[in-house]
Amino acid sequence: METRLTVGHWEGDLINGAHGTGNLATEVERCTRFTLVGHTKTKEAPEVTRKMCALFKTLPPKARLSTTLDNGKEFAHHEDLALGAGIDVFFAHPYHSWERGTNENTNGLIRRLYPKKSSFAGIGKAELKRIDVFLNDRPRKCLGWSTPREKMTAFLGYAP
């Protein structure tokens, strides 16, 4: 997976909002840098698992081969994620955030919109769409100045 030649390998995480305002579940595809983002009200494993499954189910099976998560208790139901999304689940070593560097970088981009301690209470579909556009429609040097959406669209074989 280090060569990033195969589409379908993801890195996931949960970004915490201000206390009691919810979280953002993020999954970033390693090859295309395409990002899925969803809002959860809590950090409880069942809710996070449901959200991650829903995010992955927006993609065909060929685009969801594996995900690598950190060791947070919010991912305790990883078996349900594997079954529900039809994806292999792996974990980074404890305190080795660089093993999910693509996701950490993407979370940093989200923090430009929502600095630490920002409230996620008002995040709805429109705001999630704004985050999606901010992340997936920005050209990236590492993609030859294509956007993550263009790369994922090309992989999926959809018309531009």
Protein backbone atom coordinates (compact mmCIF):
# COMPACT_ATOMS: atom_id res chain seq x y z
CA MET A 1 0.00 0.00 0.00
CA GLU A 2 2.99 2.33 0.34
CA THR A 3 3.13 2.88 -3.44
CA ARG A 4 -0.43 4.25 -3.63
CA LEU A 5 -1.06 2.48 -6.93
CA THR A 6 -4.37 0.89 -5.95
CA VAL A 7 -7.51 2.92 -5.33
CA GLY A 8 -9.67 1.77 -2.44
CA HIS A 9 -7.38 2.00 0.58
CA TRP A 10 -8.57 4.61 3.10
CA GLU A 11 -7.44 6.25 6.33
CA GLY A 12 -10.09 7.19 8.88
CA ASP A 13 -10.40 9.35 11.96
CA LEU A 14 -12.78 11.39 14.10
CA ILE A 15 -12.33 15.14 14.56
CA ASN A 16 -13.75 16.37 17.84
CA GLY A 17 -15.76 19.57 18.02
CA ALA A 18 -16.27 21.70 21.12
CA HIS A 19 -17.65 19.69 24.04
CA GLY A 20 -21.12 18.37 23.31
CA THR A 21 -21.31 19.72 19.74
CA GLY A 22 -20.46 16.55 17.86
CA ASN A 23 -17.65 15.29 15.69
CA LEU A 24 -16.65 14.90 12.07
CA ALA A 25 -15.95 11.38 10.83
CA THR A 26 -13.38 11.50 8.02
CA GLU A 27 -12.17 8.88 5.55
CA VAL A 28 -9.48 9.79 3.00
CA GLU A 29 -8.59 7.58 0.06
CA ARG A 30 -4.80 7.24 -0.17
CA CYS A 31 -4.33 7.24 -3.95
CA THR A 32 -6.87 9.87 -5.08
CA ARG A 33 -7.03 11.87 -1.80
CA PHE A 34 -10.83 11.80 -2.16
CA THR A 35 -12.43 12.49 1.22
CA LEU A 36 -15.71 11.40 2.81
CA VAL A 37 -16.99 13.48 5.75
CA GLY A 38 -19.96 12.94 8.04
CA HIS A 39 -21.23 14.41 11.31
CA THR A 40 -21.78 12.38 14.48
CA LYS A 41 -23.43 13.71 17.62
CA THR A 42 -21.30 11.53 19.92
CA LYS A 43 -18.02 9.61 19.96
CA GLU A 44 -19.83 6.41 20.86
CA ALA A 45 -18.67 3.43 18.79
CA PRO A 46 -22.14 2.39 17.52
CA GLU A 47 -22.89 5.86 16.12
CA VAL A 48 -19.43 6.29 14.60
CA THR A 49 -19.67 2.84 13.02
CA ARG A 50 -23.10 3.62 11.51
CA LYS A 51 -21.79 6.88 10.06
CA MET A 52 -18.65 5.27 8.60
CA CYS A 53 -20.74 2.50 7.04
CA ALA A 54 -23.09 5.07 5.51
CA LEU A 55 -20.15 7.04 4.09
CA PHE A 56 -18.58 3.95 2.53
CA LYS A 57 -21.87 2.74 1.08
CA THR A 58 -21.94 5.82 -1.17
CA LEU A 59 -19.16 4.09 -3.13
CA PRO A 60 -19.10 0.86 -5.13
CA PRO A 61 -17.26 -2.10 -3.56
CA LYS A 62 -14.22 -1.71 -5.86
CA ALA A 63 -13.53 1.68 -4.20
CA ARG A 64 -13.64 0.38 -0.63
CA LEU A 65 -11.01 -2.26 -0.03
CA SER A 66 -9.53 -1.30 3.35
CA THR A 67 -9.37 1.41 5.96
CA THR A 68 -6.75 2.12 8.60
CA LEU A 69 -7.92 3.72 11.83
CA ASP A 70 -6.31 4.88 15.05
CA ASN A 71 -6.82 3.03 18.31
CA GLY A 72 -9.56 5.25 19.74
CA LYS A 73 -12.49 3.66 21.55
CA GLU A 74 -14.81 5.20 18.94
CA PHE A 75 -13.63 2.43 16.59
CA ALA A 76 -14.30 -0.41 19.04
CA HIS A 77 -17.01 -1.82 16.74
CA HIS A 78 -14.61 -2.25 13.84
CA GLU A 79 -16.00 -5.74 13.13
CA ASP A 80 -19.40 -4.17 12.42
CA LEU A 81 -17.73 -1.64 10.13
CA ALA A 82 -15.98 -4.43 8.25
CA LEU A 83 -19.22 -6.35 7.79
CA GLY A 84 -21.50 -3.38 7.19
CA ALA A 85 -19.28 -1.64 4.63
CA GLY A 86 -17.65 -4.74 3.19
CA ILE A 87 -14.18 -3.40 3.95
CA ASP A 88 -11.04 -4.71 5.65
CA VAL A 89 -10.19 -2.74 8.79
CA PHE A 90 -6.66 -2.20 10.06
CA PHE A 91 -5.23 -0.17 12.92
CA ALA A 92 -2.17 2.06 13.08
CA HIS A 93 0.28 1.43 15.87
CA PRO A 94 -0.49 3.43 19.03
CA TYR A 95 0.96 6.95 18.94
CA HIS A 96 2.08 6.53 15.29
CA SER A 97 -0.11 9.15 13.63
CA TRP A 98 2.25 9.28 10.64
CA GLU A 99 0.97 5.82 9.66
CA ARG A 100 -2.22 7.65 8.65
CA GLY A 101 -0.48 10.75 7.33
CA THR A 102 -2.91 11.42 4.49
CA ASN A 103 -5.80 11.56 6.95
CA GLU A 104 -3.88 13.72 9.41
CA ASN A 105 -3.06 16.19 6.63
CA THR A 106 -6.70 16.28 5.51
CA ASN A 107 -7.90 16.83 9.06
CA GLY A 108 -5.48 19.78 9.18
CA LEU A 109 -7.20 21.22 6.10
CA ILE A 110 -10.58 20.85 7.82
CA ARG A 111 -9.12 22.64 10.85
CA ARG A 112 -8.57 25.66 8.59
CA LEU A 113 -12.35 25.90 8.40
CA TYR A 114 -12.95 24.75 11.97
CA PRO A 115 -10.08 25.50 14.38
CA LYS A 116 -9.84 23.41 17.54
CA LYS A 117 -12.70 23.94 20.00
CA SER A 118 -15.02 25.03 17.15
CA SER A 119 -18.64 24.00 17.54
CA PHE A 120 -19.96 21.36 15.18
CA ALA A 121 -23.51 21.80 16.47
CA GLY A 122 -24.79 23.61 13.37
CA ILE A 123 -23.29 21.27 10.82
CA GLY A 124 -25.92 19.98 8.45
CA LYS A 125 -26.02 18.82 4.84
CA ALA A 126 -25.14 22.24 3.41
CA GLU A 127 -22.06 22.62 5.60
CA LEU A 128 -20.93 19.05 4.93
CA LYS A 129 -21.25 19.83 1.21
CA ARG A 130 -19.09 22.95 1.69
CA ILE A 131 -16.41 20.85 3.40
CA ASP A 132 -16.67 18.26 0.62
CA VAL A 133 -16.16 20.92 -2.07
CA PHE A 134 -13.29 22.52 -0.11
CA LEU A 135 -11.45 19.19 0.11
CA ASN A 136 -12.36 17.35 -3.07
CA ASP A 137 -12.42 20.19 -5.60
CA ARG A 138 -9.04 21.74 -4.77
CA PRO A 139 -6.23 20.87 -7.20
CA ARG A 140 -3.33 19.02 -5.60
CA LYS A 141 0.28 19.08 -6.70
CA CYS A 142 0.66 15.40 -5.72
CA LEU A 143 -2.17 14.60 -8.18
CA GLY A 144 -0.59 16.49 -11.08
CA TRP A 145 -2.87 19.45 -10.31
CA SER A 146 -6.00 17.34 -10.71
CA THR A 147 -8.59 17.36 -7.97
CA PRO A 148 -9.42 14.38 -5.75
CA ARG A 149 -12.93 14.35 -7.25
CA GLU A 150 -11.51 14.18 -10.79
CA LYS A 151 -9.23 11.28 -9.80
CA MET A 152 -12.00 9.34 -8.05
CA THR A 153 -14.44 10.02 -10.89
CA ALA A 154 -11.90 8.73 -13.43
CA PHE A 155 -11.34 5.59 -11.35
CA LEU A 156 -15.07 4.93 -11.04
CA GLY A 157 -15.55 5.48 -14.77
CA TYR A 158 -18.22 8.16 -14.39
CA ALA A 159 -18.67 10.81 -17.06
CA PRO A 160 -16.93 14.08 -16.08
